[in-house]
Amino acid sequence: MRYILLIAIASLTLSGFSQTEKISYINKVKEYCPDADIVEMEIKTDYVEVSFWCDGKLTEIALNQNKEILYTEYEVNIPEDVLVKIKSKLDKKYFGWIIDEFSLIEMSDTTFYKVEAV
């Protein structure tokens, strides 16, 4: 039942894809996280973004047309020593801005933090 619901949600957001293509993207996400609870799938120009809950973390994967993972992004807690450096650099140009969210982005050749500031 849960799998059928996920397919129904995916069909609403990926109307330009065939049912087989939609299922193949869902299957790739399930390889990454077998218990994935898919929230949203979005077609971009060259890839598809899939947002889902995995082990209690909101996660996003970008997959190219060959279903290869371009990047993964998920919420993290920043270590305190790194947070101090980020705040110090932010205060130089954007004093008083508040850091809202942190994500870790992993690509095949690099990993970095994404910081949202308000």
N, C-alpha and C. Protein backbone atom coordinates (compact mmCIF):
# COMPACT_ATOMS: atom_id res chain seq x y z
N MET A 1 0.82 -1.20 0.00
CA MET A 1 0.00 0.00 0.00
C MET A 1 0.87 1.26 0.00
N ARG A 2 1.90 1.26 0.85
CA ARG A 2 2.79 2.42 0.94
C ARG A 2 3.47 2.69 -0.39
N TYR A 3 3.90 1.62 -1.06
CA TYR A 3 4.59 1.76 -2.35
C TYR A 3 3.65 2.32 -3.40
N ILE A 4 2.39 1.89 -3.39
CA ILE A 4 1.40 2.40 -4.33
C ILE A 4 1.17 3.88 -4.10
N LEU A 5 1.10 4.29 -2.85
CA LEU A 5 0.92 5.70 -2.51
C LEU A 5 2.09 6.53 -3.03
N LEU A 6 3.32 6.02 -2.86
CA LEU A 6 4.49 6.74 -3.35
C LEU A 6 4.45 6.89 -4.86
N ILE A 7 4.02 5.87 -5.55
CA ILE A 7 3.92 5.95 -7.00
C ILE A 7 2.86 6.97 -7.40
N ALA A 8 1.75 7.01 -6.67
CA ALA A 8 0.69 7.97 -6.97
C ALA A 8 1.19 9.40 -6.79
N ILE A 9 1.93 9.65 -5.73
CA ILE A 9 2.49 10.98 -5.49
C ILE A 9 3.48 11.33 -6.59
N ALA A 10 4.32 10.39 -6.94
CA ALA A 10 5.31 10.64 -7.99
C ALA A 10 4.62 10.92 -9.32
N SER A 11 3.52 10.27 -9.59
CA SER A 11 2.85 10.49 -10.87
C SER A 11 2.27 11.89 -10.98
N LEU A 12 1.92 12.48 -9.87
CA LEU A 12 1.41 13.84 -9.89
C LEU A 12 2.50 14.85 -10.20
N THR A 13 3.71 14.60 -9.72
CA THR A 13 4.79 15.57 -9.89
C THR A 13 5.66 15.30 -11.10
N LEU A 14 5.58 14.12 -11.69
CA LEU A 14 6.40 13.79 -12.84
C LEU A 14 5.52 13.42 -14.03
N SER A 15 4.57 14.28 -14.35
CA SER A 15 3.60 13.96 -15.39
C SER A 15 4.23 13.79 -16.77
N GLY A 16 5.43 14.32 -16.99
CA GLY A 16 6.08 14.19 -18.28
C GLY A 16 6.80 12.86 -18.46
N PHE A 17 6.85 12.04 -17.43
CA PHE A 17 7.55 10.76 -17.48
C PHE A 17 6.56 9.62 -17.64
N SER A 18 7.02 8.52 -18.24
CA SER A 18 6.19 7.31 -18.28
C SER A 18 6.20 6.67 -16.90
N GLN A 19 5.25 5.80 -16.67
CA GLN A 19 5.16 5.11 -15.37
C GLN A 19 6.44 4.31 -15.10
N THR A 20 7.00 3.70 -16.13
CA THR A 20 8.23 2.91 -15.98
C THR A 20 9.39 3.81 -15.56
N GLU A 21 9.51 4.99 -16.15
CA GLU A 21 10.58 5.92 -15.78
C GLU A 21 10.42 6.38 -14.33
N LYS A 22 9.20 6.69 -13.94
CA LYS A 22 8.95 7.12 -12.56
C LYS A 22 9.37 6.04 -11.58
N ILE A 23 8.98 4.82 -11.87
CA ILE A 23 9.32 3.70 -10.97
C ILE A 23 10.82 3.50 -10.92
N SER A 24 11.52 3.69 -12.04
CA SER A 24 12.97 3.50 -12.03
C SER A 24 13.66 4.53 -11.13
N TYR A 25 13.17 5.77 -11.10
CA TYR A 25 13.73 6.77 -10.19
C TYR A 25 13.43 6.39 -8.73
N ILE A 26 12.22 5.95 -8.48
CA ILE A 26 11.86 5.52 -7.12
C ILE A 26 12.73 4.35 -6.69
N ASN A 27 12.96 3.39 -7.57
CA ASN A 27 13.79 2.23 -7.25
C ASN A 27 15.22 2.64 -6.93
N LYS A 28 15.74 3.63 -7.66
CA LYS A 28 17.11 4.10 -7.39
C LYS A 28 17.19 4.73 -6.00
N VAL A 29 16.17 5.49 -5.63
CA VAL A 29 16.12 6.07 -4.28
C VAL A 29 16.05 4.95 -3.24
N LYS A 30 15.27 3.92 -3.51
CA LYS A 30 15.14 2.79 -2.58
C LYS A 30 16.46 2.03 -2.44
N GLU A 31 17.30 2.02 -3.48
CA GLU A 31 18.63 1.43 -3.35
C GLU A 31 19.47 2.22 -2.35
N TYR A 32 19.35 3.54 -2.41
CA TYR A 32 20.10 4.42 -1.52
C TYR A 32 19.57 4.32 -0.09
N CYS A 33 18.25 4.31 0.06
CA CYS A 33 17.60 4.25 1.38
C CYS A 33 16.36 3.36 1.26
N PRO A 34 16.47 2.10 1.65
CA PRO A 34 15.36 1.15 1.48
C PRO A 34 14.04 1.59 2.12
N ASP A 35 14.10 2.34 3.20
CA ASP A 35 12.88 2.79 3.88
C ASP A 35 12.50 4.22 3.51
N ALA A 36 12.95 4.70 2.38
CA ALA A 36 12.69 6.09 1.98
C ALA A 36 11.20 6.38 1.93
N ASP A 37 10.84 7.52 2.51
CA ASP A 37 9.47 8.03 2.45
C ASP A 37 9.51 9.25 1.54
N ILE A 38 9.17 9.05 0.27
CA ILE A 38 9.34 10.09 -0.74
C ILE A 38 8.33 11.20 -0.54
N VAL A 39 8.85 12.42 -0.53
CA VAL A 39 8.05 13.62 -0.32
C VAL A 39 7.73 14.29 -1.65
N GLU A 40 8.74 14.41 -2.51
CA GLU A 40 8.56 15.17 -3.74
C GLU A 40 9.56 14.71 -4.79
N MET A 41 9.13 14.74 -6.04
CA MET A 41 10.02 14.51 -7.18
C MET A 41 9.82 15.67 -8.13
N GLU A 42 10.93 16.22 -8.61
CA GLU A 42 10.85 17.41 -9.46
C GLU A 42 11.77 17.24 -10.67
N ILE A 43 11.22 17.47 -11.84
CA ILE A 43 12.00 17.38 -13.08
C ILE A 43 12.72 18.71 -13.31
N LYS A 44 14.01 18.63 -13.47
CA LYS A 44 14.82 19.79 -13.86
C LYS A 44 15.22 19.59 -15.32
N THR A 45 15.99 20.50 -15.88
CA THR A 45 16.38 20.40 -17.28
C THR A 45 17.20 19.13 -17.56
N ASP A 46 18.22 18.88 -16.74
CA ASP A 46 19.13 17.75 -17.00
C ASP A 46 19.06 16.64 -15.96
N TYR A 47 18.22 16.78 -14.97
CA TYR A 47 18.19 15.79 -13.90
C TYR A 47 16.85 15.82 -13.17
N VAL A 48 16.69 14.89 -12.25
CA VAL A 48 15.48 14.80 -11.42
C VAL A 48 15.91 14.90 -9.97
N GLU A 49 15.25 15.75 -9.20
CA GLU A 49 15.48 15.85 -7.76
C GLU A 49 14.41 15.07 -7.03
N VAL A 50 14.83 14.25 -6.09
CA VAL A 50 13.90 13.48 -5.29
C VAL A 50 14.16 13.82 -3.83
N SER A 51 13.14 14.32 -3.15
CA SER A 51 13.23 14.63 -1.71
C SER A 51 12.50 13.54 -0.95
N PHE A 52 13.11 13.08 0.14
CA PHE A 52 12.52 11.98 0.90
C PHE A 52 13.08 11.98 2.33
N TRP A 53 12.37 11.31 3.20
CA TRP A 53 12.84 11.11 4.57
C TRP A 53 13.60 9.80 4.62
N CYS A 54 14.80 9.84 5.19
CA CYS A 54 15.63 8.65 5.34
C CYS A 54 16.22 8.65 6.74
N ASP A 55 15.88 7.68 7.53
CA ASP A 55 16.38 7.58 8.91
C ASP A 55 16.15 8.87 9.69
N GLY A 56 14.98 9.48 9.49
CA GLY A 56 14.61 10.68 10.23
C GLY A 56 15.21 11.97 9.70
N LYS A 57 15.96 11.91 8.59
CA LYS A 57 16.57 13.11 8.01
C LYS A 57 15.94 13.39 6.65
N LEU A 58 15.61 14.65 6.42
CA LEU A 58 15.14 15.06 5.11
C LEU A 58 16.34 15.03 4.17
N THR A 59 16.21 14.28 3.09
CA THR A 59 17.31 14.04 2.17
C THR A 59 16.85 14.37 0.76
N GLU A 60 17.78 14.83 -0.06
CA GLU A 60 17.49 15.09 -1.46
C GLU A 60 18.59 14.46 -2.31
N ILE A 61 18.17 13.80 -3.37
CA ILE A 61 19.11 13.21 -4.32
C ILE A 61 18.80 13.78 -5.69
N ALA A 62 19.84 14.11 -6.43
CA ALA A 62 19.69 14.51 -7.83
C ALA A 62 20.21 13.35 -8.67
N LEU A 63 19.38 12.91 -9.61
CA LEU A 63 19.73 11.79 -10.49
C LEU A 63 19.72 12.25 -11.93
N ASN A 64 20.75 11.86 -12.68
CA ASN A 64 20.75 12.21 -14.10
C ASN A 64 19.85 11.24 -14.86
N GLN A 65 19.80 11.37 -16.17
CA GLN A 65 18.91 10.55 -16.98
C GLN A 65 19.29 9.07 -16.97
N ASN A 66 20.53 8.77 -16.59
CA ASN A 66 20.98 7.38 -16.47
C ASN A 66 20.77 6.83 -15.06
N LYS A 67 20.07 7.59 -14.22
CA LYS A 67 19.78 7.24 -12.83
C LYS A 67 21.05 7.18 -11.98
N GLU A 68 22.08 7.94 -12.37
CA GLU A 68 23.30 8.05 -11.58
C GLU A 68 23.14 9.22 -10.63
N ILE A 69 23.62 9.06 -9.41
CA ILE A 69 23.50 10.11 -8.40
C ILE A 69 24.49 11.22 -8.70
N LEU A 70 23.97 12.44 -8.88
CA LEU A 70 24.81 13.61 -9.09
C LEU A 70 25.24 14.20 -7.75
N TYR A 71 24.29 14.27 -6.82
CA TYR A 71 24.61 14.74 -5.47
C TYR A 71 23.54 14.27 -4.50
N THR A 72 23.93 14.25 -3.24
CA THR A 72 22.98 14.04 -2.16
C THR A 72 23.09 15.23 -1.22
N GLU A 73 21.97 15.59 -0.64
CA GLU A 73 21.94 16.70 0.31
C GLU A 73 21.05 16.30 1.47
N TYR A 74 21.54 16.51 2.68
CA TYR A 74 20.72 16.20 3.84
C TYR A 74 21.08 17.12 5.00
N GLU A 75 20.11 17.27 5.88
CA GLU A 75 20.28 18.14 7.04
C GLU A 75 21.32 17.56 7.99
N VAL A 76 22.14 18.45 8.57
CA VAL A 76 23.17 18.03 9.52
C VAL A 76 23.27 19.04 10.64
N ASN A 77 23.93 18.63 11.69
CA ASN A 77 24.33 19.54 12.75
C ASN A 77 25.80 19.84 12.53
N ILE A 78 26.13 21.12 12.47
CA ILE A 78 27.50 21.55 12.21
C ILE A 78 28.32 21.44 13.50
N PRO A 79 29.54 20.89 13.42
CA PRO A 79 30.42 20.88 14.60
C PRO A 79 30.68 22.31 15.08
N GLU A 80 30.79 22.50 16.36
CA GLU A 80 30.92 23.83 16.95
C GLU A 80 32.11 24.61 16.40
N ASP A 81 33.27 23.96 16.21
CA ASP A 81 34.43 24.68 15.69
C ASP A 81 34.21 25.17 14.26
N VAL A 82 33.48 24.42 13.46
CA VAL A 82 33.16 24.85 12.09
C VAL A 82 32.12 25.97 12.14
N LEU A 83 31.16 25.86 13.02
CA LEU A 83 30.12 26.87 13.16
C LEU A 83 30.71 28.24 13.53
N VAL A 84 31.69 28.24 14.40
CA VAL A 84 32.36 29.49 14.80
C VAL A 84 33.01 30.14 13.57
N LYS A 85 33.67 29.36 12.73
CA LYS A 85 34.31 29.90 11.52
C LYS A 85 33.28 30.46 10.55
N ILE A 86 32.18 29.75 10.39
CA ILE A 86 31.13 30.21 9.48
C ILE A 86 30.53 31.52 9.97
N LYS A 87 30.22 31.59 11.26
CA LYS A 87 29.64 32.81 11.82
C LYS A 87 30.60 33.99 11.70
N SER A 88 31.89 33.75 11.92
CA SER A 88 32.88 34.81 11.83
C SER A 88 32.95 35.38 10.41
N LYS A 89 32.96 34.51 9.42
CA LYS A 89 33.01 34.98 8.03
C LYS A 89 31.71 35.66 7.63
N LEU A 90 30.60 35.15 8.09
CA LEU A 90 29.31 35.74 7.77
C LEU A 90 29.19 37.15 8.37
N ASP A 91 29.68 37.32 9.59
CA ASP A 91 29.59 38.62 10.26
C ASP A 91 30.40 39.71 9.56
N LYS A 92 31.42 39.34 8.79
CA LYS A 92 32.22 40.35 8.10
C LYS A 92 31.41 41.12 7.07
N LYS A 93 30.54 40.45 6.34
CA LYS A 93 29.74 41.11 5.31
C LYS A 93 28.27 41.22 5.67
N TYR A 94 27.80 40.33 6.51
CA TYR A 94 26.36 40.26 6.79
C TYR A 94 26.11 40.23 8.29
N PHE A 95 26.65 41.23 8.98
CA PHE A 95 26.53 41.28 10.43
C PHE A 95 25.05 41.31 10.84
N GLY A 96 24.73 40.48 11.79
CA GLY A 96 23.37 40.43 12.31
C GLY A 96 22.47 39.40 11.63
N TRP A 97 22.94 38.82 10.52
CA TRP A 97 22.15 37.79 9.86
C TRP A 97 22.14 36.54 10.74
N ILE A 98 21.05 35.82 10.67
CA ILE A 98 20.88 34.62 11.49
C ILE A 98 21.03 33.39 10.60
N ILE A 99 21.81 32.43 11.08
CA ILE A 99 21.95 31.17 10.35
C ILE A 99 20.73 30.31 10.66
N ASP A 100 20.09 29.84 9.59
CA ASP A 100 18.82 29.13 9.73
C ASP A 100 18.97 27.62 9.61
N GLU A 101 19.55 27.14 8.53
CA GLU A 101 19.64 25.70 8.29
C GLU A 101 21.02 25.33 7.77
N PHE A 102 21.39 24.08 8.02
CA PHE A 102 22.64 23.53 7.53
C PHE A 102 22.35 22.26 6.75
N SER A 103 23.03 22.09 5.65
CA SER A 103 22.94 20.86 4.88
C SER A 103 24.35 20.43 4.50
N LEU A 104 24.53 19.15 4.36
CA LEU A 104 25.77 18.61 3.84
C LEU A 104 25.49 18.13 2.43
N ILE A 105 26.27 18.59 1.48
CA ILE A 105 26.11 18.19 0.09
C ILE A 105 27.31 17.34 -0.28
N GLU A 106 27.02 16.15 -0.78
CA GLU A 106 28.07 15.22 -1.19
C GLU A 106 27.95 14.99 -2.69
N MET A 107 29.06 15.24 -3.38
CA MET A 107 29.15 14.98 -4.81
C MET A 107 30.23 13.93 -5.01
N SER A 108 30.39 13.48 -6.22
CA SER A 108 31.38 12.41 -6.45
C SER A 108 32.80 12.86 -6.12
N ASP A 109 33.10 14.15 -6.29
CA ASP A 109 34.47 14.62 -6.08
C ASP A 109 34.65 15.62 -4.96
N THR A 110 33.57 16.00 -4.27
CA THR A 110 33.69 16.99 -3.20
C THR A 110 32.51 16.90 -2.24
N THR A 111 32.72 17.43 -1.06
CA THR A 111 31.68 17.51 -0.05
C THR A 111 31.78 18.88 0.59
N PHE A 112 30.61 19.52 0.82
CA PHE A 112 30.63 20.86 1.43
C PHE A 112 29.33 21.09 2.19
N TYR A 113 29.39 22.09 3.08
CA TYR A 113 28.21 22.52 3.82
C TYR A 113 27.49 23.61 3.05
N LYS A 114 26.18 23.57 3.10
CA LYS A 114 25.35 24.65 2.58
C LYS A 114 24.70 25.29 3.81
N VAL A 115 24.84 26.60 3.93
CA VAL A 115 24.31 27.33 5.08
C VAL A 115 23.27 28.32 4.57
N GLU A 116 22.08 28.27 5.14
CA GLU A 116 21.05 29.25 4.80
C GLU A 116 21.02 30.30 5.89
N ALA A 117 21.10 31.56 5.47
CA ALA A 117 21.09 32.67 6.41
C ALA A 117 19.90 33.56 6.13
N VAL A 118 19.35 34.14 7.20
CA VAL A 118 18.17 35.02 7.09
C VAL A 118 18.57 36.39 7.58
